[in-house]
């Protein structure tokens, strides 16, 4: 049984349980963009592969990643 929230989201600073951690490493399983591009994108935001986020914040970053990728992809085509 988990009794205390020990991990802090880098974005919203809320605390949550260790089992509820999300990191940008989870984006390596997306078809697009490639993970290497994703790492460069997050590095510009000063986010490291091992930074911890709550579910709400990682979903927000996922949408931002998709929006930037789709915009950039549309400019290339």
PDB file of N, CA and C in Angstrom:
ATOM      1  N   UNK A   1       0.836  -1.189   0.000  1.00  0.00           N
ATOM      2  CA  UNK A   1       0.000   0.000   0.000  1.00  0.00           C
ATOM      3  C   UNK A   1       0.879   1.250   0.000  1.00  0.00           C
ATOM      4  N   UNK A   2       0.572   2.163  -0.891  1.00  0.00           N
ATOM      5  CA  UNK A   2       1.333   3.396  -0.970  1.00  0.00           C
ATOM      6  C   UNK A   2       0.740   4.397   0.013  1.00  0.00           C
ATOM      7  N   UNK A   3       1.601   4.960   0.829  1.00  0.00           N
ATOM      8  CA  UNK A   3       1.079   5.851   1.856  1.00  0.00           C
ATOM      9  C   UNK A   3       1.380   7.314   1.610  1.00  0.00           C
ATOM     10  N   UNK A   4       2.451   7.615   0.885  1.00  0.00           N
ATOM     11  CA  UNK A   4       2.759   9.027   0.676  1.00  0.00           C
ATOM     12  C   UNK A   4       3.145   9.288  -0.768  1.00  0.00           C
ATOM     13  N   UNK A   5       2.869  10.473  -1.198  1.00  0.00           N
ATOM     14  CA  UNK A   5       3.204  10.887  -2.546  1.00  0.00           C
ATOM     15  C   UNK A   5       4.610  11.487  -2.500  1.00  0.00           C
ATOM     16  N   UNK A   6       5.539  10.852  -3.212  1.00  0.00           N
ATOM     17  CA  UNK A   6       6.931  11.254  -3.093  1.00  0.00           C
ATOM     18  C   UNK A   6       7.520  11.830  -4.373  1.00  0.00           C
ATOM     19  N   UNK A   7       6.850  11.686  -5.476  1.00  0.00           N
ATOM     20  CA  UNK A   7       7.390  12.148  -6.750  1.00  0.00           C
ATOM     21  C   UNK A   7       6.677  13.435  -7.132  1.00  0.00           C
ATOM     22  N   UNK A   8       7.429  14.365  -7.719  1.00  0.00           N
ATOM     23  CA  UNK A   8       6.859  15.654  -8.076  1.00  0.00           C
ATOM     24  C   UNK A   8       6.905  15.851  -9.582  1.00  0.00           C
ATOM     25  N   UNK A   9       5.807  16.299 -10.137  1.00  0.00           N
ATOM     26  CA  UNK A   9       5.718  16.604 -11.559  1.00  0.00           C
ATOM     27  C   UNK A   9       6.566  17.846 -11.839  1.00  0.00           C
ATOM     28  N   UNK A  10       7.396  17.767 -12.866  1.00  0.00           N
ATOM     29  CA  UNK A  10       8.271  18.887 -13.198  1.00  0.00           C
ATOM     30  C   UNK A  10       7.487  20.104 -13.682  1.00  0.00           C
ATOM     31  N   UNK A  11       6.330  19.875 -14.300  1.00  0.00           N
ATOM     32  CA  UNK A  11       5.564  20.987 -14.859  1.00  0.00           C
ATOM     33  C   UNK A  11       4.640  21.638 -13.820  1.00  0.00           C
ATOM     34  N   UNK A  12       3.746  20.889 -13.241  1.00  0.00           N
ATOM     35  CA  UNK A  12       2.747  21.469 -12.334  1.00  0.00           C
ATOM     36  C   UNK A  12       3.178  21.442 -10.867  1.00  0.00           C
ATOM     37  N   UNK A  13       4.229  20.689 -10.571  1.00  0.00           N
ATOM     38  CA  UNK A  13       4.799  20.570  -9.227  1.00  0.00           C
ATOM     39  C   UNK A  13       3.910  19.818  -8.243  1.00  0.00           C
ATOM     40  N   UNK A  14       2.822  19.220  -8.741  1.00  0.00           N
ATOM     41  CA  UNK A  14       2.001  18.374  -7.874  1.00  0.00           C
ATOM     42  C   UNK A  14       2.773  17.111  -7.536  1.00  0.00           C
ATOM     43  N   UNK A  15       2.472  16.562  -6.380  1.00  0.00           N
ATOM     44  CA  UNK A  15       3.131  15.319  -5.965  1.00  0.00           C
ATOM     45  C   UNK A  15       2.213  14.149  -6.289  1.00  0.00           C
ATOM     46  N   UNK A  16       2.839  13.009  -6.599  1.00  0.00           N
ATOM     47  CA  UNK A  16       2.064  11.820  -6.925  1.00  0.00           C
ATOM     48  C   UNK A  16       2.868  10.588  -6.564  1.00  0.00           C
ATOM     49  N   UNK A  17       2.237   9.426  -6.674  1.00  0.00           N
ATOM     50  CA  UNK A  17       2.886   8.172  -6.321  1.00  0.00           C
ATOM     51  C   UNK A  17       3.878   7.743  -7.392  1.00  0.00           C
ATOM     52  N   UNK A  18       4.927   7.084  -6.970  1.00  0.00           N
ATOM     53  CA  UNK A  18       5.995   6.665  -7.874  1.00  0.00           C
ATOM     54  C   UNK A  18       5.475   5.801  -9.028  1.00  0.00           C
ATOM     55  N   UNK A  19       4.478   4.981  -8.785  1.00  0.00           N
ATOM     56  CA  UNK A  19       3.934   4.121  -9.837  1.00  0.00           C
ATOM     57  C   UNK A  19       3.181   4.909 -10.908  1.00  0.00           C
ATOM     58  N   UNK A  20       2.894   6.162 -10.639  1.00  0.00           N
ATOM     59  CA  UNK A  20       2.143   6.990 -11.581  1.00  0.00           C
ATOM     60  C   UNK A  20       3.052   7.904 -12.404  1.00  0.00           C
ATOM     61  N   UNK A  21       4.334   7.620 -12.423  1.00  0.00           N
ATOM     62  CA  UNK A  21       5.307   8.450 -13.144  1.00  0.00           C
ATOM     63  C   UNK A  21       5.150   8.278 -14.654  1.00  0.00           C
ATOM     64  N   UNK A  22       5.244   9.391 -15.345  1.00  0.00           N
ATOM     65  CA  UNK A  22       5.320   9.401 -16.806  1.00  0.00           C
ATOM     66  C   UNK A  22       6.575  10.167 -17.181  1.00  0.00           C
ATOM     67  N   UNK A  23       7.291   9.672 -18.181  1.00  0.00           N
ATOM     68  CA  UNK A  23       8.475  10.368 -18.693  1.00  0.00           C
ATOM     69  C   UNK A  23       8.352  10.456 -20.208  1.00  0.00           C
ATOM     70  N   UNK A  24       9.189  11.277 -20.818  1.00  0.00           N
ATOM     71  CA  UNK A  24       9.123  11.405 -22.274  1.00  0.00           C
ATOM     72  C   UNK A  24       9.629  10.153 -22.974  1.00  0.00           C
ATOM     73  N   UNK A  25      10.235   9.243 -22.234  1.00  0.00           N
ATOM     74  CA  UNK A  25      10.669   7.981 -22.846  1.00  0.00           C
ATOM     75  C   UNK A  25       9.487   7.216 -23.436  1.00  0.00           C
ATOM     76  N   UNK A  26       8.319   7.447 -22.925  1.00  0.00           N
ATOM     77  CA  UNK A  26       7.138   6.760 -23.442  1.00  0.00           C
ATOM     78  C   UNK A  26       6.813   7.162 -24.871  1.00  0.00           C
ATOM     79  N   UNK A  27       7.365   8.272 -25.325  1.00  0.00           N
ATOM     80  CA  UNK A  27       7.140   8.708 -26.700  1.00  0.00           C
ATOM     81  C   UNK A  27       7.947   7.908 -27.718  1.00  0.00           C
ATOM     82  N   UNK A  28       8.873   7.086 -27.259  1.00  0.00           N
ATOM     83  CA  UNK A  28       9.655   6.286 -28.198  1.00  0.00           C
ATOM     84  C   UNK A  28       8.796   5.239 -28.906  1.00  0.00           C
ATOM     85  N   UNK A  29       7.613   4.969 -28.396  1.00  0.00           N
ATOM     86  CA  UNK A  29       6.730   3.971 -28.997  1.00  0.00           C
ATOM     87  C   UNK A  29       5.767   4.576 -30.016  1.00  0.00           C
ATOM     88  N   UNK A  30       5.820   5.892 -30.174  1.00  0.00           N
ATOM     89  CA  UNK A  30       4.965   6.541 -31.175  1.00  0.00           C
ATOM     90  C   UNK A  30       5.538   6.300 -32.570  1.00  0.00           C
ATOM     91  N   UNK A  31       4.666   6.173 -33.534  1.00  0.00           N
ATOM     92  CA  UNK A  31       5.102   5.984 -34.917  1.00  0.00           C
ATOM     93  C   UNK A  31       5.770   7.258 -35.449  1.00  0.00           C
ATOM     94  N   UNK A  32       5.155   8.376 -35.179  1.00  0.00           N
ATOM     95  CA  UNK A  32       5.694   9.679 -35.573  1.00  0.00           C
ATOM     96  C   UNK A  32       5.495  10.655 -34.432  1.00  0.00           C
ATOM     97  N   UNK A  33       6.420  11.558 -34.244  1.00  0.00           N
ATOM     98  CA  UNK A  33       7.729  11.658 -34.879  1.00  0.00           C
ATOM     99  C   UNK A  33       8.692  10.618 -34.309  1.00  0.00           C
ATOM    100  N   UNK A  34       9.816  10.464 -34.973  1.00  0.00           N
ATOM    101  CA  UNK A  34      10.844   9.542 -34.485  1.00  0.00           C
ATOM    102  C   UNK A  34      11.323  10.030 -33.118  1.00  0.00           C
ATOM    103  N   UNK A  35      11.769   9.093 -32.311  1.00  0.00           N
ATOM    104  CA  UNK A  35      12.170   9.418 -30.943  1.00  0.00           C
ATOM    105  C   UNK A  35      13.331  10.414 -30.906  1.00  0.00           C
ATOM    106  N   UNK A  36      14.234  10.308 -31.844  1.00  0.00           N
ATOM    107  CA  UNK A  36      15.376  11.237 -31.891  1.00  0.00           C
ATOM    108  C   UNK A  36      14.879  12.680 -32.052  1.00  0.00           C
ATOM    109  N   UNK A  37      13.897  12.879 -32.919  1.00  0.00           N
ATOM    110  CA  UNK A  37      13.309  14.213 -33.109  1.00  0.00           C
ATOM    111  C   UNK A  37      12.619  14.660 -31.812  1.00  0.00           C
ATOM    112  N   UNK A  38      11.939  13.730 -31.176  1.00  0.00           N
ATOM    113  CA  UNK A  38      11.247  14.009 -29.923  1.00  0.00           C
ATOM    114  C   UNK A  38      12.226  14.489 -28.850  1.00  0.00           C
ATOM    115  N   UNK A  39      13.382  13.838 -28.754  1.00  0.00           N
ATOM    116  CA  UNK A  39      14.388  14.227 -27.767  1.00  0.00           C
ATOM    117  C   UNK A  39      14.886  15.655 -28.013  1.00  0.00           C
ATOM    118  N   UNK A  40      15.104  15.992 -29.266  1.00  0.00           N
ATOM    119  CA  UNK A  40      15.546  17.350 -29.616  1.00  0.00           C
ATOM    120  C   UNK A  40      14.463  18.364 -29.243  1.00  0.00           C
ATOM    121  N   UNK A  41      13.214  18.033 -29.549  1.00  0.00           N
ATOM    122  CA  UNK A  41      12.090  18.907 -29.216  1.00  0.00           C
ATOM    123  C   UNK A  41      12.037  19.188 -27.711  1.00  0.00           C
ATOM    124  N   UNK A  42      12.116  18.131 -26.903  1.00  0.00           N
ATOM    125  CA  UNK A  42      12.020  18.309 -25.458  1.00  0.00           C
ATOM    126  C   UNK A  42      13.272  18.962 -24.874  1.00  0.00           C
ATOM    127  N   UNK A  43      14.403  18.751 -25.488  1.00  0.00           N
ATOM    128  CA  UNK A  43      15.631  19.407 -25.018  1.00  0.00           C
ATOM    129  C   UNK A  43      15.486  20.924 -25.132  1.00  0.00           C
ATOM    130  N   UNK A  44      14.825  21.389 -26.186  1.00  0.00           N
ATOM    131  CA  UNK A  44      14.576  22.827 -26.353  1.00  0.00           C
ATOM    132  C   UNK A  44      13.678  23.366 -25.240  1.00  0.00           C
ATOM    133  N   UNK A  45      12.867  22.503 -24.676  1.00  0.00           N
ATOM    134  CA  UNK A  45      11.982  22.881 -23.566  1.00  0.00           C
ATOM    135  C   UNK A  45      12.641  22.638 -22.204  1.00  0.00           C
ATOM    136  N   UNK A  46      13.922  22.228 -22.253  1.00  0.00           N
ATOM    137  CA  UNK A  46      14.695  21.917 -21.047  1.00  0.00           C
ATOM    138  C   UNK A  46      14.083  20.752 -20.268  1.00  0.00           C
ATOM    139  N   UNK A  47      13.651  19.750 -21.026  1.00  0.00           N
ATOM    140  CA  UNK A  47      13.084  18.541 -20.437  1.00  0.00           C
ATOM    141  C   UNK A  47      13.987  17.371 -20.791  1.00  0.00           C
ATOM    142  N   UNK A  48      14.384  16.635 -19.769  1.00  0.00           N
ATOM    143  CA  UNK A  48      15.265  15.483 -19.921  1.00  0.00           C
ATOM    144  C   UNK A  48      14.444  14.194 -20.000  1.00  0.00           C
ATOM    145  N   UNK A  49      15.052  13.158 -20.535  1.00  0.00           N
ATOM    146  CA  UNK A  49      14.366  11.860 -20.657  1.00  0.00           C
ATOM    147  C   UNK A  49      13.840  11.335 -19.329  1.00  0.00           C
ATOM    148  N   UNK A  50      14.492  11.665 -18.244  1.00  0.00           N
ATOM    149  CA  UNK A  50      14.133  11.091 -16.949  1.00  0.00           C
ATOM    150  C   UNK A  50      13.317  12.021 -16.063  1.00  0.00           C
ATOM    151  N   UNK A  51      12.948  13.180 -16.567  1.00  0.00           N
ATOM    152  CA  UNK A  51      12.092  14.063 -15.781  1.00  0.00           C
ATOM    153  C   UNK A  51      10.721  13.414 -15.594  1.00  0.00           C
ATOM    154  N   UNK A  52      10.152  13.612 -14.433  1.00  0.00           N
ATOM    155  CA  UNK A  52       8.878  12.974 -14.082  1.00  0.00           C
ATOM    156  C   UNK A  52       7.707  13.941 -14.274  1.00  0.00           C
ATOM    157  N   UNK A  53       6.607  13.371 -14.768  1.00  0.00           N
ATOM    158  CA  UNK A  53       5.396  14.162 -14.991  1.00  0.00           C
ATOM    159  C   UNK A  53       4.175  13.374 -14.551  1.00  0.00           C
ATOM    160  N   UNK A  54       3.129  14.090 -14.173  1.00  0.00           N
ATOM    161  CA  UNK A  54       1.852  13.455 -13.885  1.00  0.00           C
ATOM    162  C   UNK A  54       1.159  13.171 -15.226  1.00  0.00           C
ATOM    163  N   UNK A  55       0.095  12.406 -15.180  1.00  0.00           N
ATOM    164  CA  UNK A  55      -0.607  12.028 -16.415  1.00  0.00           C
ATOM    165  C   UNK A  55      -1.139  13.246 -17.169  1.00  0.00           C
ATOM    166  N   UNK A  56      -1.706  14.175 -16.473  1.00  0.00           N
ATOM    167  CA  UNK A  56      -2.289  15.355 -17.116  1.00  0.00           C
ATOM    168  C   UNK A  56      -1.214  16.172 -17.861  1.00  0.00           C
ATOM    169  N   UNK A  57      -0.078  16.362 -17.229  1.00  0.00           N
ATOM    170  CA  UNK A  57       0.982  17.164 -17.854  1.00  0.00           C
ATOM    171  C   UNK A  57       1.644  16.435 -19.017  1.00  0.00           C
ATOM    172  N   UNK A  58       1.828  15.138 -18.908  1.00  0.00           N
ATOM    173  CA  UNK A  58       2.449  14.406 -20.024  1.00  0.00           C
ATOM    174  C   UNK A  58       1.500  14.395 -21.225  1.00  0.00           C
ATOM    175  N   UNK A  59       0.201  14.360 -20.971  1.00  0.00           N
ATOM    176  CA  UNK A  59      -0.774  14.430 -22.067  1.00  0.00           C
ATOM    177  C   UNK A  59      -0.718  15.804 -22.732  1.00  0.00           C
ATOM    178  N   UNK A  60      -0.528  16.837 -21.943  1.00  0.00           N
ATOM    179  CA  UNK A  60      -0.397  18.185 -22.477  1.00  0.00           C
ATOM    180  C   UNK A  60       0.843  18.278 -23.378  1.00  0.00           C
ATOM    181  N   UNK A  61       1.942  17.729 -22.913  1.00  0.00           N
ATOM    182  CA  UNK A  61       3.164  17.725 -23.723  1.00  0.00           C
ATOM    183  C   UNK A  61       3.003  16.870 -24.976  1.00  0.00           C
ATOM    184  N   UNK A  62       2.259  15.802 -24.878  1.00  0.00           N
ATOM    185  CA  UNK A  62       2.015  14.947 -26.037  1.00  0.00           C
ATOM    186  C   UNK A  62       1.258  15.718 -27.119  1.00  0.00           C
ATOM    187  N   UNK A  63       0.265  16.482 -26.700  1.00  0.00           N
ATOM    188  CA  UNK A  63      -0.497  17.292 -27.666  1.00  0.00           C
ATOM    189  C   UNK A  63       0.398  18.357 -28.293  1.00  0.00           C
ATOM    190  N   UNK A  64       1.215  19.015 -27.464  1.00  0.00           N
ATOM    191  CA  UNK A  64       2.128  20.040 -27.970  1.00  0.00           C
ATOM    192  C   UNK A  64       3.122  19.425 -28.967  1.00  0.00           C
ATOM    193  N   UNK A  65       3.644  18.264 -28.647  1.00  0.00           N
ATOM    194  CA  UNK A  65       4.568  17.554 -29.539  1.00  0.00           C
ATOM    195  C   UNK A  65       3.896  17.258 -30.879  1.00  0.00           C
ATOM    196  N   UNK A  66       2.691  16.724 -30.831  1.00  0.00           N
ATOM    197  CA  UNK A  66       1.955  16.398 -32.057  1.00  0.00           C
ATOM    198  C   UNK A  66       1.657  17.649 -32.884  1.00  0.00           C
ATOM    199  N   UNK A  67       1.262  18.723 -32.210  1.00  0.00           N
ATOM    200  CA  UNK A  67       0.951  19.964 -32.922  1.00  0.00           C
ATOM    201  C   UNK A  67       2.176  20.515 -33.651  1.00  0.00           C
ATOM    202  N   UNK A  68       3.309  20.556 -32.970  1.00  0.00           N
ATOM    203  CA  UNK A  68       4.542  21.068 -33.583  1.00  0.00           C
ATOM    204  C   UNK A  68       4.996  20.149 -34.710  1.00  0.00           C
ATOM    205  N   UNK A  69       4.929  18.845 -34.486  1.00  0.00           N
ATOM    206  CA  UNK A  69       5.337  17.881 -35.509  1.00  0.00           C
ATOM    207  C   UNK A  69       4.461  18.016 -36.758  1.00  0.00           C
ATOM    208  N   UNK A  70       3.150  18.074 -36.578  1.00  0.00           N
ATOM    209  CA  UNK A  70       2.242  18.167 -37.712  1.00  0.00           C
ATOM    210  C   UNK A  70       2.429  19.490 -38.473  1.00  0.00           C
ATOM    211  N   UNK A  71       2.669  20.560 -37.750  1.00  0.00           N
ATOM    212  CA  UNK A  71       2.909  21.857 -38.385  1.00  0.00           C
ATOM    213  C   UNK A  71       4.202  21.815 -39.207  1.00  0.00           C
ATOM    214  N   UNK A  72       5.247  21.255 -38.615  1.00  0.00           N
ATOM    215  CA  UNK A  72       6.540  21.167 -39.301  1.00  0.00           C
ATOM    216  C   UNK A  72       6.440  20.224 -40.507  1.00  0.00           C
ATOM    217  N   UNK A  73       5.753  19.111 -40.315  1.00  0.00           N
ATOM    218  CA  UNK A  73       5.593  18.136 -41.396  1.00  0.00           C
ATOM    219  C   UNK A  73       4.817  18.767 -42.559  1.00  0.00           C
ATOM    220  N   UNK A  74       3.811  19.575 -42.241  1.00  0.00           N
ATOM    221  CA  UNK A  74       3.015  20.238 -43.265  1.00  0.00           C
ATOM    222  C   UNK A  74       3.821  21.251 -44.063  1.00  0.00           C
ATOM    223  N   UNK A  75       4.804  21.877 -43.432  1.00  0.00           N
ATOM    224  CA  UNK A  75       5.651  22.849 -44.123  1.00  0.00           C
ATOM    225  C   UNK A  75       6.625  22.174 -45.075  1.00  0.00           C
ATOM    226  N   UNK A  76       7.034  20.960 -44.739  1.00  0.00           N
ATOM    227  CA  UNK A  76       7.976  20.233 -45.591  1.00  0.00           C
ATOM    228  C   UNK A  76       7.299  19.709 -46.847  1.00  0.00           C
ATOM    229  N   UNK A  77       6.038  19.292 -46.701  1.00  0.00           N
ATOM    230  CA  UNK A  77       5.317  18.714 -47.834  1.00  0.00           C
ATOM    231  C   UNK A  77       4.940  19.731 -48.818  1.00  0.00           C
TER     232      UNK A  77
END
